[in-house]
C-alpha atoms as a PDB file:
ATOM      1  CA  UNK A   1       0.000   0.000   0.000  1.00  0.00           C
ATOM      2  CA  UNK A   2       1.333   3.481  -0.856  1.00  0.00           C
ATOM      3  CA  UNK A   3       2.497   5.568   2.054  1.00  0.00           C
ATOM      4  CA  UNK A   4       0.062   8.384   1.312  1.00  0.00           C
ATOM      5  CA  UNK A   5      -2.890   5.966   1.333  1.00  0.00           C
ATOM      6  CA  UNK A   6      -1.576   4.272   4.459  1.00  0.00           C
ATOM      7  CA  UNK A   7      -1.243   7.649   6.141  1.00  0.00           C
ATOM      8  CA  UNK A   8      -4.738   8.708   5.122  1.00  0.00           C
ATOM      9  CA  UNK A   9      -6.288   5.495   6.474  1.00  0.00           C
ATOM     10  CA  UNK A  10      -4.367   5.791   9.753  1.00  0.00           C
ATOM     11  CA  UNK A  11      -5.422   9.432  10.034  1.00  0.00           C
ATOM     12  CA  UNK A  12      -9.094   8.556   9.582  1.00  0.00           C
ATOM     13  CA  UNK A  13      -8.878   5.707  12.098  1.00  0.00           C
ATOM     14  CA  UNK A  14      -7.131   7.926  14.637  1.00  0.00           C
ATOM     15  CA  UNK A  15      -9.675  10.738  14.259  1.00  0.00           C
ATOM     16  CA  UNK A  16     -12.556   8.257  14.505  1.00  0.00           C
ATOM     17  CA  UNK A  17     -11.180   6.637  17.665  1.00  0.00           C
ATOM     18  CA  UNK A  18     -10.509  10.048  19.217  1.00  0.00           C
ATOM     19  CA  UNK A  19     -14.022  11.204  18.377  1.00  0.00           C
ATOM     20  CA  UNK A  20     -15.664   8.106  19.873  1.00  0.00           C
ATOM     21  CA  UNK A  21     -13.558   8.275  23.025  1.00  0.00           C
ATOM     22  CA  UNK A  22     -13.866  11.987  23.755  1.00  0.00           C
ATOM     23  CA  UNK A  23     -17.544  12.004  22.743  1.00  0.00           C
ATOM     24  CA  UNK A  24     -18.343   9.107  25.089  1.00  0.00           C
ATOM     25  CA  UNK A  25     -19.748   6.794  22.408  1.00  0.00           C
ATOM     26  CA  UNK A  26     -16.946   4.316  23.059  1.00  0.00           C
ATOM     27  CA  UNK A  27     -18.986   2.946  26.004  1.00  0.00           C
ATOM     28  CA  UNK A  28     -21.313   1.377  23.424  1.00  0.00           C
ATOM     29  CA  UNK A  29     -18.474  -0.934  22.404  1.00  0.00           C
ATOM     30  CA  UNK A  30     -16.130  -1.451  25.373  1.00  0.00           C
ATOM     31  CA  UNK A  31     -15.987  -0.969  29.141  1.00  0.00           C
ATOM     32  CA  UNK A  32     -15.486   2.497  30.627  1.00  0.00           C
ATOM     33  CA  UNK A  33     -12.125   1.436  32.052  1.00  0.00           C
ATOM     34  CA  UNK A  34     -10.749   1.160  28.497  1.00  0.00           C
ATOM     35  CA  UNK A  35     -10.814   4.946  27.931  1.00  0.00           C
ATOM     36  CA  UNK A  36      -7.124   5.650  28.736  1.00  0.00           C
ATOM     37  CA  UNK A  37      -6.003   2.852  26.415  1.00  0.00           C
ATOM     38  CA  UNK A  38      -8.256   4.096  23.615  1.00  0.00           C
ATOM     39  CA  UNK A  39      -6.870   7.623  23.949  1.00  0.00           C
ATOM     40  CA  UNK A  40      -3.320   6.256  23.848  1.00  0.00           C
ATOM     41  CA  UNK A  41      -4.156   4.172  20.758  1.00  0.00           C
ATOM     42  CA  UNK A  42      -5.681   7.207  19.025  1.00  0.00           C
ATOM     43  CA  UNK A  43      -2.525   9.247  19.701  1.00  0.00           C
ATOM     44  CA  UNK A  44      -0.325   6.445  18.329  1.00  0.00           C
ATOM     45  CA  UNK A  45      -2.463   6.142  15.173  1.00  0.00           C
ATOM     46  CA  UNK A  46      -2.325   9.892  14.575  1.00  0.00           C
ATOM     47  CA  UNK A  47       1.445   9.898  15.101  1.00  0.00           C
ATOM     48  CA  UNK A  48       1.889   7.020  12.634  1.00  0.00           C
ATOM     49  CA  UNK A  49      -0.379   8.809  10.155  1.00  0.00           C
ATOM     50  CA  UNK A  50       1.695  11.973  10.392  1.00  0.00           C
ATOM     51  CA  UNK A  51       4.903   9.984   9.892  1.00  0.00           C
ATOM     52  CA  UNK A  52       3.508   8.106   6.856  1.00  0.00           C
ATOM     53  CA  UNK A  53       2.229  11.300   5.229  1.00  0.00           C
ATOM     54  CA  UNK A  54       5.541  13.035   5.855  1.00  0.00           C
ATOM     55  CA  UNK A  55       7.444  10.124   4.288  1.00  0.00           C
ATOM     56  CA  UNK A  56       5.100  10.180   1.294  1.00  0.00           C
ATOM     57  CA  UNK A  57       5.679  13.902   0.850  1.00  0.00           C
ATOM     58  CA  UNK A  58       9.439  13.366   0.873  1.00  0.00           C
ATOM     59  CA  UNK A  59       9.345  10.748  -1.845  1.00  0.00           C
ATOM     60  CA  UNK A  60      10.037  12.078  -5.305  1.00  0.00           C
ATOM     61  CA  UNK A  61       7.837   9.540  -7.084  1.00  0.00           C
ATOM     62  CA  UNK A  62       4.823   7.337  -6.397  1.00  0.00           C
ATOM     63  CA  UNK A  63       4.876   3.578  -6.170  1.00  0.00           C
ATOM     64  CA  UNK A  64       4.277   1.926  -9.517  1.00  0.00           C
ATOM     65  CA  UNK A  65       2.330  -1.292 -10.019  1.00  0.00           C
ATOM     66  CA  UNK A  66       3.314  -4.162 -12.272  1.00  0.00           C
ATOM     67  CA  UNK A  67       1.733  -2.508 -15.332  1.00  0.00           C
ATOM     68  CA  UNK A  68       3.736   0.673 -14.930  1.00  0.00           C
ATOM     69  CA  UNK A  69       0.819   2.820 -13.814  1.00  0.00           C
ATOM     70  CA  UNK A  70       0.481   4.788 -10.655  1.00  0.00           C
ATOM     71  CA  UNK A  71      -2.348   3.392  -8.626  1.00  0.00           C
ATOM     72  CA  UNK A  72      -3.768   2.261  -5.341  1.00  0.00           C
ATOM     73  CA  UNK A  73      -4.996  -1.314  -4.767  1.00  0.00           C
ATOM     74  CA  UNK A  74      -8.777  -1.182  -4.796  1.00  0.00           C
ATOM     75  CA  UNK A  75      -8.986  -3.325  -1.690  1.00  0.00           C
ATOM     76  CA  UNK A  76      -7.147  -0.621   0.260  1.00  0.00           C
ATOM     77  CA  UNK A  77     -10.155   1.668   0.092  1.00  0.00           C
ATOM     78  CA  UNK A  78     -12.297  -0.997   1.778  1.00  0.00           C
ATOM     79  CA  UNK A  79     -10.477  -0.122   4.983  1.00  0.00           C
ATOM     80  CA  UNK A  80     -12.123   3.296   4.855  1.00  0.00           C
ATOM     81  CA  UNK A  81     -15.699   1.936   4.725  1.00  0.00           C
ATOM     82  CA  UNK A  82     -16.051   1.063   8.448  1.00  0.00           C
ATOM     83  CA  UNK A  83     -14.748   4.523   9.305  1.00  0.00           C
ATOM     84  CA  UNK A  84     -17.281   6.218   7.042  1.00  0.00           C
ATOM     85  CA  UNK A  85     -20.116   4.111   8.437  1.00  0.00           C
ATOM     86  CA  UNK A  86     -19.393   5.210  12.002  1.00  0.00           C
ATOM     87  CA  UNK A  87     -19.002   8.844  10.915  1.00  0.00           C
ATOM     88  CA  UNK A  88     -22.295   8.848   9.009  1.00  0.00           C
ATOM     89  CA  UNK A  89     -24.407   6.574  11.249  1.00  0.00           C
ATOM     90  CA  UNK A  90     -24.816   7.447  14.901  1.00  0.00           C
ATOM     91  CA  UNK A  91     -23.691   4.440  16.982  1.00  0.00           C
ATOM     92  CA  UNK A  92     -26.254   2.838  19.258  1.00  0.00           C
ATOM     93  CA  UNK A  93     -25.795   0.485  22.214  1.00  0.00           C
ATOM     94  CA  UNK A  94     -27.067  -3.079  22.234  1.00  0.00           C
ATOM     95  CA  UNK A  95     -30.654  -3.404  23.412  1.00  0.00           C
ATOM     96  CA  UNK A  96     -33.750  -5.566  23.578  1.00  0.00           C
ATOM     97  CA  UNK A  97     -33.022  -7.387  20.306  1.00  0.00           C
ATOM     98  CA  UNK A  98     -29.775  -8.758  21.762  1.00  0.00           C
ATOM     99  CA  UNK A  99     -31.216  -9.422  25.218  1.00  0.00           C
ATOM    100  CA  UNK A 100     -34.201 -11.357  23.840  1.00  0.00           C
ATOM    101  CA  UNK A 101     -31.849 -13.814  22.185  1.00  0.00           C
ATOM    102  CA  UNK A 102     -30.060 -14.734  25.377  1.00  0.00           C
ATOM    103  CA  UNK A 103     -31.133 -16.536  28.488  1.00  0.00           C
ATOM    104  CA  UNK A 104     -31.261 -14.338  31.561  1.00  0.00           C
ATOM    105  CA  UNK A 105     -27.951 -14.795  33.323  1.00  0.00           C
ATOM    106  CA  UNK A 106     -27.694 -15.241  37.087  1.00  0.00           C
ATOM    107  CA  UNK A 107     -24.095 -14.419  38.003  1.00  0.00           C
ATOM    108  CA  UNK A 108     -22.592 -16.625  40.673  1.00  0.00           C
ATOM    109  CA  UNK A 109     -20.665 -14.218  42.892  1.00  0.00           C
ATOM    110  CA  UNK A 110     -21.307 -15.542  46.398  1.00  0.00           C
ATOM    111  CA  UNK A 111     -23.025 -18.180  48.440  1.00  0.00           C
ATOM    112  CA  UNK A 112     -26.303 -17.036  50.076  1.00  0.00           C
ATOM    113  CA  UNK A 113     -24.671 -16.793  53.508  1.00  0.00           C
ATOM    114  CA  UNK A 114     -22.044 -14.383  52.113  1.00  0.00           C
ATOM    115  CA  UNK A 115     -24.477 -11.889  50.631  1.00  0.00           C
ATOM    116  CA  UNK A 116     -24.360  -8.663  52.587  1.00  0.00           C
ATOM    117  CA  UNK A 117     -27.616  -7.075  53.792  1.00  0.00           C
ATOM    118  CA  UNK A 118     -28.988  -4.205  51.731  1.00  0.00           C
ATOM    119  CA  UNK A 119     -28.100  -0.702  52.937  1.00  0.00           C
ATOM    120  CA  UNK A 120     -30.663   1.220  54.960  1.00  0.00           C
ATOM    121  CA  UNK A 121     -33.356   3.275  53.248  1.00  0.00           C
ATOM    122  CA  UNK A 122     -35.994   2.366  50.708  1.00  0.00           C
ATOM    123  CA  UNK A 123     -36.024   2.093  47.803  1.00  0.00           C
ATOM    124  CA  UNK A 124     -32.504   0.741  47.389  1.00  0.00           C
ATOM    125  CA  UNK A 125     -30.915   1.250  43.965  1.00  0.00           C
ATOM    126  CA  UNK A 126     -29.590  -2.122  42.828  1.00  0.00           C
ATOM    127  CA  UNK A 127     -27.787  -3.201  39.680  1.00  0.00           C
ATOM    128  CA  UNK A 128     -29.942  -5.825  37.982  1.00  0.00           C
ATOM    129  CA  UNK A 129     -27.082  -8.346  38.152  1.00  0.00           C
ATOM    130  CA  UNK A 130     -26.976  -7.882  41.944  1.00  0.00           C
ATOM    131  CA  UNK A 131     -30.750  -8.234  42.185  1.00  0.00           C
ATOM    132  CA  UNK A 132     -30.648 -11.500  40.219  1.00  0.00           C
ATOM    133  CA  UNK A 133     -27.872 -12.865  42.422  1.00  0.00           C
ATOM    134  CA  UNK A 134     -29.846 -12.088  45.572  1.00  0.00           C
ATOM    135  CA  UNK A 135     -33.129 -13.382  44.126  1.00  0.00           C
ATOM    136  CA  UNK A 136     -31.758 -16.616  42.640  1.00  0.00           C
ATOM    137  CA  UNK A 137     -28.676 -17.681  44.606  1.00  0.00           C
ATOM    138  CA  UNK A 138     -29.703 -15.908  47.775  1.00  0.00           C
ATOM    139  CA  UNK A 139     -33.295 -17.186  47.443  1.00  0.00           C
ATOM    140  CA  UNK A 140     -34.556 -13.676  48.144  1.00  0.00           C
ATOM    141  CA  UNK A 141     -33.449 -13.690  51.785  1.00  0.00           C
ATOM    142  CA  UNK A 142     -31.746 -10.279  51.581  1.00  0.00           C
ATOM    143  CA  UNK A 143     -34.620  -8.837  49.504  1.00  0.00           C
ATOM    144  CA  UNK A 144     -37.518  -9.949  51.698  1.00  0.00           C
ATOM    145  CA  UNK A 145     -39.675  -6.974  52.699  1.00  0.00           C
ATOM    146  CA  UNK A 146     -37.406  -4.382  51.057  1.00  0.00           C
ATOM    147  CA  UNK A 147     -38.249  -1.843  48.347  1.00  0.00           C
ATOM    148  CA  UNK A 148     -35.726  -1.813  45.513  1.00  0.00           C
ATOM    149  CA  UNK A 149     -35.210   0.218  42.366  1.00  0.00           C
ATOM    150  CA  UNK A 150     -33.981  -1.367  39.144  1.00  0.00           C
ATOM    151  CA  UNK A 151     -32.882   0.714  36.170  1.00  0.00           C
ATOM    152  CA  UNK A 152     -32.868  -0.771  32.689  1.00  0.00           C
ATOM    153  CA  UNK A 153     -34.629  -1.052  29.355  1.00  0.00           C
ATOM    154  CA  UNK A 154     -37.762  -2.952  28.414  1.00  0.00           C
ATOM    155  CA  UNK A 155     -37.416  -6.366  26.776  1.00  0.00           C
ATOM    156  CA  UNK A 156     -40.840  -7.743  25.768  1.00  0.00           C
ATOM    157  CA  UNK A 157     -41.599 -11.336  26.741  1.00  0.00           C
ATOM    158  CA  UNK A 158     -43.084 -13.389  23.851  1.00  0.00           C
ATOM    159  CA  UNK A 159     -45.349 -15.064  26.418  1.00  0.00           C
ATOM    160  CA  UNK A 160     -46.669 -11.703  27.612  1.00  0.00           C
ATOM    161  CA  UNK A 161     -45.382  -9.007  29.925  1.00  0.00           C
ATOM    162  CA  UNK A 162     -41.833  -7.705  29.921  1.00  0.00           C
ATOM    163  CA  UNK A 163     -38.435  -7.799  31.557  1.00  0.00           C
ATOM    164  CA  UNK A 164     -36.400  -4.911  32.926  1.00  0.00           C
ATOM    165  CA  UNK A 165     -32.999  -5.544  31.394  1.00  0.00           C
ATOM    166  CA  UNK A 166     -29.407  -4.420  31.510  1.00  0.00           C
ATOM    167  CA  UNK A 167     -26.503  -5.790  29.510  1.00  0.00           C
ATOM    168  CA  UNK A 168     -23.149  -6.351  31.177  1.00  0.00           C
ATOM    169  CA  UNK A 169     -19.752  -6.317  29.488  1.00  0.00           C
ATOM    170  CA  UNK A 170     -16.821  -8.491  30.456  1.00  0.00           C
ATOM    171  CA  UNK A 171     -14.626  -6.686  27.936  1.00  0.00           C
ATOM    172  CA  UNK A 172     -16.565  -5.443  24.924  1.00  0.00           C
ATOM    173  CA  UNK A 173     -20.000  -5.537  23.280  1.00  0.00           C
ATOM    174  CA  UNK A 174     -19.179  -8.849  21.600  1.00  0.00           C
ATOM    175  CA  UNK A 175     -19.301 -10.668  24.964  1.00  0.00           C
ATOM    176  CA  UNK A 176     -22.322  -8.830  26.399  1.00  0.00           C
ATOM    177  CA  UNK A 177     -24.448 -10.780  28.884  1.00  0.00           C
ATOM    178  CA  UNK A 178     -28.134 -10.182  29.536  1.00  0.00           C
ATOM    179  CA  UNK A 179     -29.269  -9.470  33.109  1.00  0.00           C
ATOM    180  CA  UNK A 180     -33.032  -9.139  33.486  1.00  0.00           C
ATOM    181  CA  UNK A 181     -35.882  -9.494  35.936  1.00  0.00           C
ATOM    182  CA  UNK A 182     -39.500 -10.133  35.022  1.00  0.00           C
ATOM    183  CA  UNK A 183     -41.749  -7.207  35.980  1.00  0.00           C
ATOM    184  CA  UNK A 184     -45.198  -8.005  37.406  1.00  0.00           C
ATOM    185  CA  UNK A 185     -48.154  -5.670  37.812  1.00  0.00           C
ATOM    186  CA  UNK A 186     -47.068  -3.065  35.230  1.00  0.00           C
ATOM    187  CA  UNK A 187     -48.516  -2.092  31.856  1.00  0.00           C
ATOM    188  CA  UNK A 188     -46.716  -3.108  28.687  1.00  0.00           C
ATOM    189  CA  UNK A 189     -44.165  -0.670  27.292  1.00  0.00           C
ATOM    190  CA  UNK A 190     -42.346  -0.498  23.948  1.00  0.00           C
ATOM    191  CA  UNK A 191     -39.078  -2.374  23.572  1.00  0.00           C
ATOM    192  CA  UNK A 192     -35.932  -0.439  24.548  1.00  0.00           C
ATOM    193  CA  UNK A 193     -37.858   2.047  26.705  1.00  0.00           C
ATOM    194  CA  UNK A 194     -35.600   3.018  29.601  1.00  0.00           C
ATOM    195  CA  UNK A 195     -37.331   2.816  32.974  1.00  0.00           C
ATOM    196  CA  UNK A 196     -36.850   2.850  36.729  1.00  0.00           C
ATOM    197  CA  UNK A 197     -38.856   0.080  38.367  1.00  0.00           C
ATOM    198  CA  UNK A 198     -39.643   0.509  42.059  1.00  0.00           C
ATOM    199  CA  UNK A 199     -40.975  -2.647  43.629  1.00  0.00           C
ATOM    200  CA  UNK A 200     -40.430  -5.719  45.785  1.00  0.00           C
ATOM    201  CA  UNK A 201     -39.062  -9.181  45.200  1.00  0.00           C
ATOM    202  CA  UNK A 202     -41.682 -11.924  45.053  1.00  0.00           C
ATOM    203  CA  UNK A 203     -41.378 -15.684  44.845  1.00  0.00           C
ATOM    204  CA  UNK A 204     -42.702 -17.177  41.634  1.00  0.00           C
ATOM    205  CA  UNK A 205     -45.927 -19.190  41.699  1.00  0.00           C
ATOM    206  CA  UNK A 206     -44.197 -21.888  39.698  1.00  0.00           C
ATOM    207  CA  UNK A 207     -41.637 -22.270  42.436  1.00  0.00           C
ATOM    208  CA  UNK A 208     -38.815 -21.863  39.910  1.00  0.00           C
ATOM    209  CA  UNK A 209     -36.158 -19.866  41.795  1.00  0.00           C
ATOM    210  CA  UNK A 210     -34.159 -19.303  38.623  1.00  0.00           C
ATOM    211  CA  UNK A 211     -36.696 -16.734  37.368  1.00  0.00           C
ATOM    212  CA  UNK A 212     -36.100 -13.398  39.149  1.00  0.00           C
ATOM    213  CA  UNK A 213     -39.375 -11.502  39.651  1.00  0.00           C
ATOM    214  CA  UNK A 214     -40.197  -8.013  40.871  1.00  0.00           C
ATOM    215  CA  UNK A 215     -43.682  -6.795  41.768  1.00  0.00           C
ATOM    216  CA  UNK A 216     -43.790  -3.232  40.441  1.00  0.00           C
ATOM    217  CA  UNK A 217     -45.144  -0.460  42.630  1.00  0.00           C
ATOM    218  CA  UNK A 218     -44.075   2.328  40.273  1.00  0.00           C
ATOM    219  CA  UNK A 219     -42.544   2.448  36.792  1.00  0.00           C
ATOM    220  CA  UNK A 220     -40.981   5.708  35.587  1.00  0.00           C
ATOM    221  CA  UNK A 221     -39.711   6.355  32.081  1.00  0.00           C
ATOM    222  CA  UNK A 222     -36.225   7.895  32.026  1.00  0.00           C
ATOM    223  CA  UNK A 223     -33.709   9.018  29.376  1.00  0.00           C
ATOM    224  CA  UNK A 224     -31.090   6.534  28.282  1.00  0.00           C
ATOM    225  CA  UNK A 225     -28.115   6.793  30.670  1.00  0.00           C
ATOM    226  CA  UNK A 226     -24.704   7.849  29.446  1.00  0.00           C
ATOM    227  CA  UNK A 227     -23.367   4.355  30.082  1.00  0.00           C
ATOM    228  CA  UNK A 228     -26.103   1.849  29.164  1.00  0.00           C
ATOM    229  CA  UNK A 229     -24.192  -1.203  30.406  1.00  0.00           C
ATOM    230  CA  UNK A 230     -23.588  -2.578  33.899  1.00  0.00           C
END
């Protein structure tokens, strides 16, 4: 690949990465803790781009292909397409479509006896992953009689009703896991609607402890948070 084309591609990639990181959209793809590394990578890409463009400017002639014509391999321009797509299309986080195609995940983080009591004051804001752990592995012991607040988006249930959902990232969006609790006693809402659900844990009639339930006392629509993942 010619140095000028290489420099141009690196420049576009560096600007794109810098834009996503400084604009905050990078949280749609990777964990928040990756920000310093993304900024460092953007600086390196921009530095390499500047070096490649400077080298190209110093050269007295362009690279010549086997037929004796100046040219750029057509495949090289394919590298620019992902950059243009992100520039032209506003990135969006994963949502109900992804969550509906996964089983609700109950993270195993502690035995029931090791789960700490909820802090004082109701309602208690809980990450949905924490709520699931307490409801499933803790059998609801630390949730009994307490008002909690779960924040997430609506994932419709094909069998009726809906789940309040949050996706969690281990590293990036490719390994996102679905954390969700079935909401009882609330009207249906459109998919991907962000809500705060105030309510109480209840035991399922079926006796299946692997299905986390919450009896809603109040459901409030809210704007999408800056970081949509847990």
